[in-house]
Amino acid sequence: MEEKTLNKAYELKESIIKDERYLNLLKKEKEMEEDEEVERLSYLKDQANNEYNDILRFFKPESNEAKNAQKKLYEAKKELESHPKVIAYLKAYQELRQLLEEVNDILFKDFNTNLCSKKEK
């Protein structure tokens, strides 16, 4: 049974990596990663994140310094996520994720999670 199950799992994997949603995600990811503007915006977001984390080591989250750094991080993240190539990537990611959730539901919807619970002594 193990070999048969393993073969079915590999078949499922092959089907998923040939699916248009997976292929589209790879395409959008490549486009996004090769875009200089996206790279710049990602760098600025990472810088703002590092600055915010550094400030939190010295100031409380409710301090003006932390609030200003948090706002800067929010704005950098918002600008990155507003870029058309990032939007396209996130949409493609969501479409694939939806497929994977459907597969998960089909495979495990009737699975009883109590099967492996510890017996009380």
Protein backbone atom coordinates (compact mmCIF):
# COMPACT_ATOMS: atom_id res chain seq x y z
CA MET A 1 0.00 0.00 0.00
CA GLU A 2 2.84 2.44 0.75
CA GLU A 3 4.20 2.24 -2.79
CA LYS A 4 0.74 2.72 -4.30
CA THR A 5 0.10 5.72 -2.06
CA LEU A 6 3.48 7.20 -2.88
CA ASN A 7 2.86 6.78 -6.61
CA LYS A 8 -0.53 8.50 -6.29
CA ALA A 9 1.08 11.34 -4.37
CA TYR A 10 3.68 11.77 -7.12
CA GLU A 11 0.93 11.75 -9.74
CA LEU A 12 -0.88 14.49 -7.84
CA LYS A 13 2.31 16.51 -7.59
CA GLU A 14 2.92 16.16 -11.34
CA SER A 15 -0.63 17.27 -12.06
CA ILE A 16 -0.22 20.34 -9.88
CA ILE A 17 3.12 21.42 -11.38
CA LYS A 18 1.61 21.11 -14.87
CA ASP A 19 -1.50 23.09 -13.92
CA GLU A 20 -1.86 26.49 -15.58
CA ARG A 21 -2.23 28.19 -12.17
CA TYR A 22 1.14 26.88 -11.00
CA LEU A 23 2.82 27.77 -14.29
CA ASN A 24 1.26 31.24 -14.19
CA LEU A 25 2.56 31.75 -10.66
CA LEU A 26 6.09 30.87 -11.74
CA LYS A 27 5.83 33.28 -14.67
CA LYS A 28 4.53 36.14 -12.49
CA GLU A 29 7.18 35.44 -9.87
CA LYS A 30 9.95 35.64 -12.48
CA GLU A 31 8.55 38.87 -13.91
CA MET A 32 8.32 40.38 -10.45
CA GLU A 33 11.82 39.31 -9.41
CA GLU A 34 13.37 40.68 -12.60
CA ASP A 35 11.74 44.10 -12.28
CA GLU A 36 14.16 46.78 -11.02
CA GLU A 37 11.38 48.94 -9.57
CA VAL A 38 10.02 46.01 -7.56
CA GLU A 39 13.54 45.25 -6.38
CA ARG A 40 13.99 48.86 -5.27
CA LEU A 41 10.64 48.93 -3.46
CA SER A 42 11.42 45.61 -1.79
CA TYR A 43 14.76 46.96 -0.61
CA LEU A 44 13.08 50.07 0.83
CA LYS A 45 10.53 47.89 2.62
CA ASP A 46 13.32 45.73 4.07
CA GLN A 47 15.19 48.85 5.20
CA ALA A 48 12.06 50.21 6.90
CA ASN A 49 11.47 46.84 8.56
CA ASN A 50 15.04 46.72 9.88
CA GLU A 51 14.76 50.29 11.15
CA TYR A 52 11.49 49.51 12.91
CA ASN A 53 12.96 46.41 14.57
CA ASP A 54 16.04 48.36 15.66
CA ILE A 55 13.89 51.08 17.19
CA LEU A 56 11.84 48.51 19.10
CA ARG A 57 15.00 47.36 20.85
CA PHE A 58 15.37 50.79 22.44
CA PHE A 59 11.85 52.23 22.55
CA LYS A 60 8.43 50.98 23.55
CA PRO A 61 5.98 50.21 20.70
CA GLU A 62 3.78 53.13 21.76
CA SER A 63 6.64 55.67 21.60
CA ASN A 64 6.69 58.33 18.89
CA GLU A 65 9.89 56.87 17.47
CA ALA A 66 8.33 53.43 17.10
CA LYS A 67 5.08 54.82 15.71
CA ASN A 68 6.95 56.85 13.09
CA ALA A 69 9.06 53.84 12.08
CA GLN A 70 5.94 51.67 11.93
CA LYS A 71 4.23 54.22 9.68
CA LYS A 72 7.28 54.31 7.41
CA LEU A 73 7.23 50.49 7.22
CA TYR A 74 3.50 50.48 6.47
CA GLU A 75 3.96 53.00 3.65
CA ALA A 76 6.91 51.10 2.15
CA LYS A 77 4.99 47.82 2.27
CA LYS A 78 1.89 49.44 0.79
CA GLU A 79 3.92 50.93 -2.07
CA LEU A 80 5.54 47.57 -2.82
CA GLU A 81 2.22 45.72 -2.74
CA SER A 82 0.64 48.36 -5.01
CA HIS A 83 3.09 47.70 -7.84
CA PRO A 84 1.28 46.07 -10.81
CA LYS A 85 3.72 43.13 -11.01
CA VAL A 86 3.39 42.43 -7.30
CA ILE A 87 -0.40 42.61 -7.58
CA ALA A 88 -0.30 40.15 -10.49
CA TYR A 89 1.97 37.81 -8.52
CA LEU A 90 -0.26 37.92 -5.44
CA LYS A 91 -3.34 37.22 -7.56
CA ALA A 92 -1.62 34.21 -9.17
CA TYR A 93 -0.49 33.02 -5.73
CA GLN A 94 -4.04 33.24 -4.41
CA GLU A 95 -5.36 31.23 -7.36
CA LEU A 96 -2.84 28.43 -6.74
CA ARG A 97 -3.46 28.54 -3.01
CA GLN A 98 -7.17 28.10 -3.65
CA LEU A 99 -6.42 24.98 -5.74
CA LEU A 100 -4.19 23.56 -3.00
CA GLU A 101 -6.84 24.22 -0.36
CA GLU A 102 -9.40 22.37 -2.48
CA VAL A 103 -7.03 19.41 -2.83
CA ASN A 104 -6.42 19.47 0.91
CA ASP A 105 -10.16 19.53 1.63
CA ILE A 106 -10.81 16.62 -0.73
CA LEU A 107 -8.03 14.51 0.73
CA PHE A 108 -8.55 15.23 4.41
CA LYS A 109 -12.15 16.41 4.92
CA ASP A 110 -13.22 13.11 6.45
CA PHE A 111 -10.01 12.56 8.39
CA ASN A 112 -10.71 12.08 12.08
CA THR A 113 -8.11 14.05 14.03
CA ASN A 114 -8.90 12.11 17.19
CA LEU A 115 -7.44 8.90 15.80
CA CYS A 116 -4.02 9.72 17.14
CA SER A 117 -5.01 11.22 20.49
CA LYS A 118 -3.39 9.92 23.65
CA LYS A 119 -5.35 7.49 25.75
CA GLU A 120 -6.12 8.72 29.21
CA LYS A 121 -4.61 6.68 32.01
